[in-house]
Full PDB file with SEQRES, HELIX, SHEET, SSBOND, CRYST1, ORIGX, SCALE, CONECT and MASTER records, all heavy atoms in Angstrom:
SEQRES   1 A   34  ILE ALA ARG PHE ALA GLU ARG GLU GLY ILE GLU LEU ILE          
SEQRES   2 A   34  ALA GLU PHE VAL GLU VAL GLU THR GLY LYS GLY ALA ASP          
SEQRES   3 A   34  ALA LEU ASP ARG ARG PRO VAL LEU                              
HELIX    1 AA1 ALA A    2  GLU A    8  1                                   7    
HELIX    2 AA2 LEU A   28  ARG A   30  5                                   3    
CRYST1    1.000    1.000    1.000  90.00  90.00  90.00 P 1           1          
ORIGX1      1.000000  0.000000  0.000000        0.00000                         
ORIGX2      0.000000  1.000000  0.000000        0.00000                         
ORIGX3      0.000000  0.000000  1.000000        0.00000                         
SCALE1      1.000000  0.000000  0.000000        0.00000                         
SCALE2      0.000000  1.000000  0.000000        0.00000                         
SCALE3      0.000000  0.000000  1.000000        0.00000                         
ATOM      1  N   ILE A   1       0.829  -1.212   0.000  1.00  0.00           N  
ATOM      2  CA  ILE A   1       0.000   0.000   0.000  1.00  0.00           C  
ATOM      3  C   ILE A   1       0.858   1.255   0.000  1.00  0.00           C  
ATOM      4  O   ILE A   1       0.586   2.215  -0.724  1.00  0.00           O  
ATOM      5  CB  ILE A   1      -0.950  -0.011   1.209  1.00  0.00           C  
ATOM      6  CG1 ILE A   1      -1.981  -1.131   1.070  1.00  0.00           C  
ATOM      7  CG2 ILE A   1      -1.653   1.338   1.362  1.00  0.00           C  
ATOM      8  CD1 ILE A   1      -2.854  -1.327   2.291  1.00  0.00           C  
ATOM      9  N   ALA A   2       1.932   1.249   0.791  1.00  0.00           N  
ATOM     10  CA  ALA A   2       2.807   2.422   0.875  1.00  0.00           C  
ATOM     11  C   ALA A   2       3.477   2.702  -0.467  1.00  0.00           C  
ATOM     12  O   ALA A   2       3.546   3.864  -0.904  1.00  0.00           O  
ATOM     13  CB  ALA A   2       3.860   2.210   1.963  1.00  0.00           C  
ATOM     14  N   ARG A   3       3.981   1.659  -1.114  1.00  0.00           N  
ATOM     15  CA  ARG A   3       4.622   1.847  -2.428  1.00  0.00           C  
ATOM     16  C   ARG A   3       3.620   2.375  -3.446  1.00  0.00           C  
ATOM     17  O   ARG A   3       3.935   3.264  -4.245  1.00  0.00           O  
ATOM     18  CB  ARG A   3       5.215   0.521  -2.921  1.00  0.00           C  
ATOM     19  CG  ARG A   3       6.495   0.098  -2.210  1.00  0.00           C  
ATOM     20  CD  ARG A   3       7.297  -0.861  -3.083  1.00  0.00           C  
ATOM     21  NE  ARG A   3       6.442  -1.923  -3.604  1.00  0.00           N  
ATOM     22  CZ  ARG A   3       6.308  -3.122  -3.041  1.00  0.00           C  
ATOM     23  NH1 ARG A   3       6.951  -3.404  -1.922  1.00  0.00           N  
ATOM     24  NH2 ARG A   3       5.518  -4.034  -3.575  1.00  0.00           N  
ATOM     25  N   PHE A   4       2.419   1.818  -3.425  1.00  0.00           N  
ATOM     26  CA  PHE A   4       1.388   2.249  -4.362  1.00  0.00           C  
ATOM     27  C   PHE A   4       1.035   3.719  -4.130  1.00  0.00           C  
ATOM     28  O   PHE A   4       0.956   4.499  -5.086  1.00  0.00           O  
ATOM     29  CB  PHE A   4       0.148   1.365  -4.191  1.00  0.00           C  
ATOM     30  CG  PHE A   4      -1.039   1.836  -4.982  1.00  0.00           C  
ATOM     31  CD1 PHE A   4      -1.154   1.530  -6.324  1.00  0.00           C  
ATOM     32  CD2 PHE A   4      -2.039   2.582  -4.376  1.00  0.00           C  
ATOM     33  CE1 PHE A   4      -2.250   1.968  -7.055  1.00  0.00           C  
ATOM     34  CE2 PHE A   4      -3.132   3.027  -5.096  1.00  0.00           C  
ATOM     35  CZ  PHE A   4      -3.239   2.719  -6.442  1.00  0.00           C  
ATOM     36  N   ALA A   5       0.806   4.086  -2.877  1.00  0.00           N  
ATOM     37  CA  ALA A   5       0.434   5.465  -2.568  1.00  0.00           C  
ATOM     38  C   ALA A   5       1.535   6.443  -2.980  1.00  0.00           C  
ATOM     39  O   ALA A   5       1.252   7.520  -3.529  1.00  0.00           O  
ATOM     40  CB  ALA A   5       0.127   5.597  -1.076  1.00  0.00           C  
ATOM     41  N   GLU A   6       2.777   6.082  -2.727  1.00  0.00           N  
ATOM     42  CA  GLU A   6       3.893   6.956  -3.102  1.00  0.00           C  
ATOM     43  C   GLU A   6       3.970   7.119  -4.616  1.00  0.00           C  
ATOM     44  O   GLU A   6       4.178   8.230  -5.128  1.00  0.00           O  
ATOM     45  CB  GLU A   6       5.200   6.381  -2.563  1.00  0.00           C  
ATOM     46  CG  GLU A   6       6.417   7.252  -2.866  1.00  0.00           C  
ATOM     47  CD  GLU A   6       7.695   6.674  -2.297  1.00  0.00           C  
ATOM     48  OE1 GLU A   6       7.657   5.552  -1.738  1.00  0.00           O  
ATOM     49  OE2 GLU A   6       8.736   7.346  -2.406  1.00  0.00           O  
ATOM     50  N   ARG A   7       3.782   6.017  -5.320  1.00  0.00           N  
ATOM     51  CA  ARG A   7       3.857   6.058  -6.788  1.00  0.00           C  
ATOM     52  C   ARG A   7       2.752   6.922  -7.385  1.00  0.00           C  
ATOM     53  O   ARG A   7       2.956   7.628  -8.380  1.00  0.00           O  
ATOM     54  CB  ARG A   7       3.768   4.631  -7.338  1.00  0.00           C  
ATOM     55  CG  ARG A   7       3.929   4.552  -8.864  1.00  0.00           C  
ATOM     56  CD  ARG A   7       4.035   3.123  -9.330  1.00  0.00           C  
ATOM     57  NE  ARG A   7       2.811   2.368  -9.080  1.00  0.00           N  
ATOM     58  CZ  ARG A   7       2.695   1.382  -8.220  1.00  0.00           C  
ATOM     59  NH1 ARG A   7       3.725   1.034  -7.472  1.00  0.00           N  
ATOM     60  NH2 ARG A   7       1.560   0.737  -8.060  1.00  0.00           N  
ATOM     61  N   GLU A   8       1.564   6.861  -6.771  1.00  0.00           N  
ATOM     62  CA  GLU A   8       0.416   7.605  -7.302  1.00  0.00           C  
ATOM     63  C   GLU A   8       0.280   9.005  -6.703  1.00  0.00           C  
ATOM     64  O   GLU A   8      -0.638   9.744  -7.062  1.00  0.00           O  
ATOM     65  CB  GLU A   8      -0.873   6.813  -7.041  1.00  0.00           C  
ATOM     66  CG  GLU A   8      -0.917   5.441  -7.701  1.00  0.00           C  
ATOM     67  CD  GLU A   8      -0.931   5.517  -9.216  1.00  0.00           C  
ATOM     68  OE1 GLU A   8      -1.345   6.578  -9.746  1.00  0.00           O  
ATOM     69  OE2 GLU A   8      -0.534   4.538  -9.870  1.00  0.00           O  
ATOM     70  N   GLY A   9       1.164   9.368  -5.764  1.00  0.00           N  
ATOM     71  CA  GLY A   9       1.096  10.677  -5.148  1.00  0.00           C  
ATOM     72  C   GLY A   9      -0.083  10.848  -4.207  1.00  0.00           C  
ATOM     73  O   GLY A   9      -0.673  11.928  -4.109  1.00  0.00           O  
ATOM     74  N   ILE A  10      -0.444   9.778  -3.512  1.00  0.00           N  
ATOM     75  CA  ILE A  10      -1.581   9.800  -2.596  1.00  0.00           C  
ATOM     76  C   ILE A  10      -1.071   9.837  -1.150  1.00  0.00           C  
ATOM     77  O   ILE A  10      -0.192   9.074  -0.775  1.00  0.00           O  
ATOM     78  CB  ILE A  10      -2.471   8.554  -2.795  1.00  0.00           C  
ATOM     79  CG1 ILE A  10      -3.032   8.529  -4.221  1.00  0.00           C  
ATOM     80  CG2 ILE A  10      -3.604   8.525  -1.775  1.00  0.00           C  
ATOM     81  CD1 ILE A  10      -3.798   7.261  -4.549  1.00  0.00           C  
ATOM     82  N   GLU A  11      -1.635  10.714  -0.346  1.00  0.00           N  
ATOM     83  CA  GLU A  11      -1.276  10.798   1.065  1.00  0.00           C  
ATOM     84  C   GLU A  11      -2.152   9.853   1.882  1.00  0.00           C  
ATOM     85  O   GLU A  11      -3.384   9.916   1.807  1.00  0.00           O  
ATOM     86  CB  GLU A  11      -1.477  12.232   1.569  1.00  0.00           C  
ATOM     87  CG  GLU A  11      -1.191  12.387   3.065  1.00  0.00           C  
ATOM     88  CD  GLU A  11      -1.640  13.720   3.613  1.00  0.00           C  
ATOM     89  OE1 GLU A  11      -2.218  14.517   2.826  1.00  0.00           O  
ATOM     90  OE2 GLU A  11      -1.441  13.959   4.830  1.00  0.00           O  
ATOM     91  N   LEU A  12      -1.530   8.977   2.651  1.00  0.00           N  
ATOM     92  CA  LEU A  12      -2.264   8.076   3.527  1.00  0.00           C  
ATOM     93  C   LEU A  12      -2.514   8.795   4.852  1.00  0.00           C  
ATOM     94  O   LEU A  12      -1.583   9.067   5.609  1.00  0.00           O  
ATOM     95  CB  LEU A  12      -1.481   6.787   3.762  1.00  0.00           C  
ATOM     96  CG  LEU A  12      -1.241   5.922   2.517  1.00  0.00           C  
ATOM     97  CD1 LEU A  12      -0.353   4.731   2.861  1.00  0.00           C  
ATOM     98  CD2 LEU A  12      -2.560   5.451   1.906  1.00  0.00           C  
ATOM     99  N   ILE A  13      -3.765   9.112   5.121  1.00  0.00           N  
ATOM    100  CA  ILE A  13      -4.080   9.908   6.307  1.00  0.00           C  
ATOM    101  C   ILE A  13      -4.354   9.039   7.532  1.00  0.00           C  
ATOM    102  O   ILE A  13      -4.381   9.538   8.660  1.00  0.00           O  
ATOM    103  CB  ILE A  13      -5.287  10.831   6.057  1.00  0.00           C  
ATOM    104  CG1 ILE A  13      -6.535  10.011   5.725  1.00  0.00           C  
ATOM    105  CG2 ILE A  13      -4.976  11.818   4.940  1.00  0.00           C  
ATOM    106  CD1 ILE A  13      -7.808  10.845   5.666  1.00  0.00           C  
ATOM    107  N   ALA A  14      -4.564   7.741   7.334  1.00  0.00           N  
ATOM    108  CA  ALA A  14      -4.826   6.841   8.455  1.00  0.00           C  
ATOM    109  C   ALA A  14      -4.627   5.406   8.011  1.00  0.00           C  
ATOM    110  O   ALA A  14      -4.719   5.097   6.816  1.00  0.00           O  
ATOM    111  CB  ALA A  14      -6.247   7.028   8.997  1.00  0.00           C  
ATOM    112  N   GLU A  15      -4.314   4.551   8.980  1.00  0.00           N  
ATOM    113  CA  GLU A  15      -4.178   3.115   8.718  1.00  0.00           C  
ATOM    114  C   GLU A  15      -5.023   2.345   9.724  1.00  0.00           C  
ATOM    115  O   GLU A  15      -4.993   2.630  10.922  1.00  0.00           O  
ATOM    116  CB  GLU A  15      -2.720   2.673   8.822  1.00  0.00           C  
ATOM    117  CG  GLU A  15      -2.529   1.169   8.635  1.00  0.00           C  
ATOM    118  CD  GLU A  15      -1.120   0.708   8.937  1.00  0.00           C  
ATOM    119  OE1 GLU A  15      -0.230   0.974   8.098  1.00  0.00           O  
ATOM    120  OE2 GLU A  15      -0.902   0.096  10.012  1.00  0.00           O  
ATOM    121  N   PHE A  16      -5.752   1.363   9.244  1.00  0.00           N  
ATOM    122  CA  PHE A  16      -6.593   0.538  10.101  1.00  0.00           C  
ATOM    123  C   PHE A  16      -6.237  -0.930   9.878  1.00  0.00           C  
ATOM    124  O   PHE A  16      -6.135  -1.386   8.733  1.00  0.00           O  
ATOM    125  CB  PHE A  16      -8.071   0.769   9.796  1.00  0.00           C  
ATOM    126  CG  PHE A  16      -8.544   2.157  10.140  1.00  0.00           C  
ATOM    127  CD1 PHE A  16      -8.452   3.187   9.206  1.00  0.00           C  
ATOM    128  CD2 PHE A  16      -9.046   2.436  11.398  1.00  0.00           C  
ATOM    129  CE1 PHE A  16      -8.875   4.470   9.512  1.00  0.00           C  
ATOM    130  CE2 PHE A  16      -9.472   3.721  11.722  1.00  0.00           C  
ATOM    131  CZ  PHE A  16      -9.384   4.733  10.790  1.00  0.00           C  
ATOM    132  N   VAL A  17      -6.046  -1.654  10.969  1.00  0.00           N  
ATOM    133  CA  VAL A  17      -5.672  -3.068  10.913  1.00  0.00           C  
ATOM    134  C   VAL A  17      -6.750  -3.891  11.596  1.00  0.00           C  
ATOM    135  O   VAL A  17      -7.062  -3.673  12.770  1.00  0.00           O  
ATOM    136  CB  VAL A  17      -4.313  -3.321  11.590  1.00  0.00           C  
ATOM    137  CG1 VAL A  17      -3.972  -4.809  11.559  1.00  0.00           C  
ATOM    138  CG2 VAL A  17      -3.218  -2.505  10.904  1.00  0.00           C  
ATOM    139  N   GLU A  18      -7.314  -4.835  10.866  1.00  0.00           N  
ATOM    140  CA  GLU A  18      -8.378  -5.694  11.394  1.00  0.00           C  
ATOM    141  C   GLU A  18      -7.846  -7.112  11.560  1.00  0.00           C  
ATOM    142  O   GLU A  18      -7.214  -7.662  10.665  1.00  0.00           O  
ATOM    143  CB  GLU A  18      -9.568  -5.712  10.434  1.00  0.00           C  
ATOM    144  CG  GLU A  18     -10.786  -6.426  10.967  1.00  0.00           C  
ATOM    145  CD  GLU A  18     -11.986  -5.499  11.070  1.00  0.00           C  
ATOM    146  OE1 GLU A  18     -12.377  -4.930  10.028  1.00  0.00           O  
ATOM    147  OE2 GLU A  18     -12.518  -5.336  12.168  1.00  0.00           O  
ATOM    148  N   VAL A  19      -8.121  -7.693  12.728  1.00  0.00           N  
ATOM    149  CA  VAL A  19      -7.789  -9.094  12.988  1.00  0.00           C  
ATOM    150  C   VAL A  19      -9.084  -9.841  13.230  1.00  0.00           C  
ATOM    151  O   VAL A  19      -9.787  -9.578  14.207  1.00  0.00           O  
ATOM    152  CB  VAL A  19      -6.854  -9.248  14.201  1.00  0.00           C  
ATOM    153  CG1 VAL A  19      -6.553 -10.721  14.457  1.00  0.00           C  
ATOM    154  CG2 VAL A  19      -5.564  -8.478  13.976  1.00  0.00           C  
ATOM    155  N   GLU A  20      -9.404 -10.756  12.318  1.00  0.00           N  
ATOM    156  CA  GLU A  20     -10.634 -11.525  12.447  1.00  0.00           C  
ATOM    157  C   GLU A  20     -10.352 -12.864  13.109  1.00  0.00           C  
ATOM    158  O   GLU A  20      -9.237 -13.389  13.044  1.00  0.00           O  
ATOM    159  CB  GLU A  20     -11.257 -11.786  11.072  1.00  0.00           C  
ATOM    160  CG  GLU A  20     -11.775 -10.549  10.399  1.00  0.00           C  
ATOM    161  CD  GLU A  20     -12.381 -10.867   9.058  1.00  0.00           C  
ATOM    162  OE1 GLU A  20     -12.458 -12.057   8.697  1.00  0.00           O  
ATOM    163  OE2 GLU A  20     -12.749  -9.931   8.358  1.00  0.00           O  
ATOM    164  N   THR A  21     -11.376 -13.431  13.708  1.00  0.00           N  
ATOM    165  CA  THR A  21     -11.291 -14.782  14.246  1.00  0.00           C  
ATOM    166  C   THR A  21     -12.502 -15.560  13.783  1.00  0.00           C  
ATOM    167  O   THR A  21     -13.617 -15.065  13.827  1.00  0.00           O  
ATOM    168  CB  THR A  21     -11.272 -14.781  15.787  1.00  0.00           C  
ATOM    169  OG1 THR A  21     -12.441 -14.103  16.257  1.00  0.00           O  
ATOM    170  CG2 THR A  21     -10.039 -14.088  16.318  1.00  0.00           C  
ATOM    171  N   GLY A  22     -12.255 -16.791  13.309  1.00  0.00           N  
ATOM    172  CA  GLY A  22     -13.355 -17.647  12.895  1.00  0.00           C  
ATOM    173  C   GLY A  22     -13.891 -17.298  11.529  1.00  0.00           C  
ATOM    174  O   GLY A  22     -13.399 -16.419  10.832  1.00  0.00           O  
ATOM    175  N   LYS A  23     -14.936 -18.032  11.138  1.00  0.00           N  
ATOM    176  CA  LYS A  23     -15.528 -17.867   9.811  1.00  0.00           C  
ATOM    177  C   LYS A  23     -16.736 -16.943   9.878  1.00  0.00           C  
ATOM    178  O   LYS A  23     -17.230 -16.593  10.928  1.00  0.00           O  
ATOM    179  CB  LYS A  23     -15.951 -19.231   9.257  1.00  0.00           C  
ATOM    180  CG  LYS A  23     -14.799 -20.189   9.047  1.00  0.00           C  
ATOM    181  CD  LYS A  23     -15.302 -21.504   8.487  1.00  0.00           C  
ATOM    182  CE  LYS A  23     -14.156 -22.485   8.263  1.00  0.00           C  
ATOM    183  NZ  LYS A  23     -14.635 -23.773   7.732  1.00  0.00           N  
ATOM    184  N   GLY A  24     -17.228 -16.597   8.692  1.00  0.00           N  
ATOM    185  CA  GLY A  24     -18.438 -15.802   8.614  1.00  0.00           C  
ATOM    186  C   GLY A  24     -18.286 -14.400   9.135  1.00  0.00           C  
ATOM    187  O   GLY A  24     -19.236 -13.829   9.674  1.00  0.00           O  
ATOM    188  N   ALA A  25     -17.105 -13.800   9.019  1.00  0.00           N  
ATOM    189  CA  ALA A  25     -16.871 -12.472   9.590  1.00  0.00           C  
ATOM    190  C   ALA A  25     -16.966 -11.377   8.539  1.00  0.00           C  
ATOM    191  O   ALA A  25     -16.362 -10.337   8.671  1.00  0.00           O  
ATOM    192  CB  ALA A  25     -15.510 -12.437  10.269  1.00  0.00           C  
ATOM    193  N   ASP A  26     -17.742 -11.601   7.461  1.00  0.00           N  
ATOM    194  CA  ASP A  26     -17.830 -10.608   6.403  1.00  0.00           C  
ATOM    195  C   ASP A  26     -18.888  -9.545   6.661  1.00  0.00           C  
ATOM    196  O   ASP A  26     -18.911  -8.525   5.998  1.00  0.00           O  
ATOM    197  CB  ASP A  26     -18.097 -11.278   5.051  1.00  0.00           C  
ATOM    198  CG  ASP A  26     -16.799 -11.708   4.386  1.00  0.00           C  
ATOM    199  OD1 ASP A  26     -15.772 -11.092   4.674  1.00  0.00           O  
ATOM    200  OD2 ASP A  26     -16.823 -12.654   3.586  1.00  0.00           O  
ATOM    201  N   ALA A  27     -19.828  -9.791   7.576  1.00  0.00           N  
ATOM    202  CA  ALA A  27     -20.819  -8.770   7.891  1.00  0.00           C  
ATOM    203  C   ALA A  27     -20.125  -7.571   8.521  1.00  0.00           C  
ATOM    204  O   ALA A  27     -19.245  -7.719   9.360  1.00  0.00           O  
ATOM    205  CB  ALA A  27     -21.875  -9.329   8.838  1.00  0.00           C  
ATOM    206  N   LEU A  28     -20.530  -6.368   8.103  1.00  0.00           N  
ATOM    207  CA  LEU A  28     -19.829  -5.161   8.537  1.00  0.00           C  
ATOM    208  C   LEU A  28     -19.900  -4.974  10.046  1.00  0.00           C  
ATOM    209  O   LEU A  28     -18.974  -4.436  10.648  1.00  0.00           O  
ATOM    210  CB  LEU A  28     -20.401  -3.935   7.823  1.00  0.00           C  
ATOM    211  CG  LEU A  28     -19.596  -2.634   7.961  1.00  0.00           C  
ATOM    212  CD1 LEU A  28     -18.174  -2.830   7.456  1.00  0.00           C  
ATOM    213  CD2 LEU A  28     -20.280  -1.510   7.199  1.00  0.00           C  
ATOM    214  N   ASP A  29     -20.998  -5.461  10.680  1.00  0.00           N  
ATOM    215  CA  ASP A  29     -21.084  -5.304  12.125  1.00  0.00           C  
ATOM    216  C   ASP A  29     -20.111  -6.217  12.854  1.00  0.00           C  
ATOM    217  O   ASP A  29     -19.900  -6.077  14.058  1.00  0.00           O  
ATOM    218  CB  ASP A  29     -22.517  -5.560  12.624  1.00  0.00           C  
ATOM    219  CG  ASP A  29     -23.038  -6.933  12.255  1.00  0.00           C  
ATOM    220  OD1 ASP A  29     -22.318  -7.675  11.556  1.00  0.00           O  
ATOM    221  OD2 ASP A  29     -24.164  -7.265  12.660  1.00  0.00           O  
ATOM    222  N   ARG A  30     -19.491  -7.163  12.121  1.00  0.00           N  
ATOM    223  CA  ARG A  30     -18.462  -8.014  12.704  1.00  0.00           C  
ATOM    224  C   ARG A  30     -17.084  -7.604  12.201  1.00  0.00           C  
ATOM    225  O   ARG A  30     -16.105  -8.307  12.442  1.00  0.00           O  
ATOM    226  CB  ARG A  30     -18.741  -9.481  12.371  1.00  0.00           C  
ATOM    227  CG  ARG A  30     -20.088  -9.942  12.895  1.00  0.00           C  
ATOM    228  CD  ARG A  30     -20.410 -11.353  12.518  1.00  0.00           C  
ATOM    229  NE  ARG A  30     -19.534 -12.308  13.162  1.00  0.00           N  
ATOM    230  CZ  ARG A  30     -19.638 -13.630  13.001  1.00  0.00           C  
ATOM    231  NH1 ARG A  30     -20.574 -14.122  12.209  1.00  0.00           N  
ATOM    232  NH2 ARG A  30     -18.819 -14.448  13.615  1.00  0.00           N  
ATOM    233  N   ARG A  31     -17.036  -6.475  11.497  1.00  0.00           N  
ATOM    234  CA  ARG A  31     -15.768  -5.909  11.032  1.00  0.00           C  
ATOM    235  C   ARG A  31     -15.707  -4.465  11.526  1.00  0.00           C  
ATOM    236  O   ARG A  31     -15.750  -3.523  10.726  1.00  0.00           O  
ATOM    237  CB  ARG A  31     -15.694  -5.956   9.501  1.00  0.00           C  
ATOM    238  CG  ARG A  31     -15.795  -7.345   8.880  1.00  0.00           C  
ATOM    239  CD  ARG A  31     -14.455  -8.001   8.698  1.00  0.00           C  
ATOM    240  NE  ARG A  31     -13.696  -7.330   7.657  1.00  0.00           N  
ATOM    241  CZ  ARG A  31     -13.790  -7.612   6.350  1.00  0.00           C  
ATOM    242  NH1 ARG A  31     -14.611  -8.538   5.925  1.00  0.00           N  
ATOM    243  NH2 ARG A  31     -13.051  -6.968   5.481  1.00  0.00           N  
ATOM    244  N   PRO A  32     -15.604  -4.250  12.834  1.00  0.00           N  
ATOM    245  CA  PRO A  32     -15.676  -2.893  13.386  1.00  0.00           C  
ATOM    246  C   PRO A  32     -14.565  -1.979  12.902  1.00  0.00           C  
ATOM    247  O   PRO A  32     -14.762  -0.765  12.783  1.00  0.00           O  
ATOM    248  CB  PRO A  32     -15.598  -3.113  14.899  1.00  0.00           C  
ATOM    249  CG  PRO A  32     -14.926  -4.449  15.054  1.00  0.00           C  
ATOM    250  CD  PRO A  32     -15.392  -5.258  13.889  1.00  0.00           C  
ATOM    251  N   VAL A  33     -13.384  -2.539  12.631  1.00  0.00           N  
ATOM    252  CA  VAL A  33     -12.275  -1.692  12.181  1.00  0.00           C  
ATOM    253  C   VAL A  33     -12.545  -1.184  10.769  1.00  0.00           C  
ATOM    254  O   VAL A  33     -12.257  -0.018  10.446  1.00  0.00           O  
ATOM    255  CB  VAL A  33     -10.947  -2.468  12.246  1.00  0.00           C  
ATOM    256  CG1 VAL A  33      -9.801  -1.617  11.702  1.00  0.00           C  
ATOM    257  CG2 VAL A  33     -10.647  -2.895  13.673  1.00  0.00           C  
ATOM    258  N   LEU A  34     -13.118  -2.026   9.915  1.00  0.00           N  
ATOM    259  CA  LEU A  34     -13.485  -1.570   8.579  1.00  0.00           C  
ATOM    260  C   LEU A  34     -14.555  -0.492   8.657  1.00  0.00           C  
ATOM    261  O   LEU A  34     -14.508   0.493   7.906  1.00  0.00           O  
ATOM    262  CB  LEU A  34     -13.981  -2.747   7.734  1.00  0.00           C  
ATOM    263  CG  LEU A  34     -14.448  -2.405   6.315  1.00  0.00           C  
ATOM    264  CD1 LEU A  34     -13.356  -1.687   5.534  1.00  0.00           C  
ATOM    265  CD2 LEU A  34     -14.896  -3.664   5.576  1.00  0.00           C  
TER     266      LEU A  34                                                      
MASTER        0    0    0    2    0    0    0    6  265    1    0    3          
END                                                                             
């Protein structure tokens, strides 16, 4: 992501890291970081 942003001249204003556990975690209410 950093290389891509630098190449395209995009400023990354924030970074979010999500750690999921188990299956079926695609619902947005189970992806709070997203």
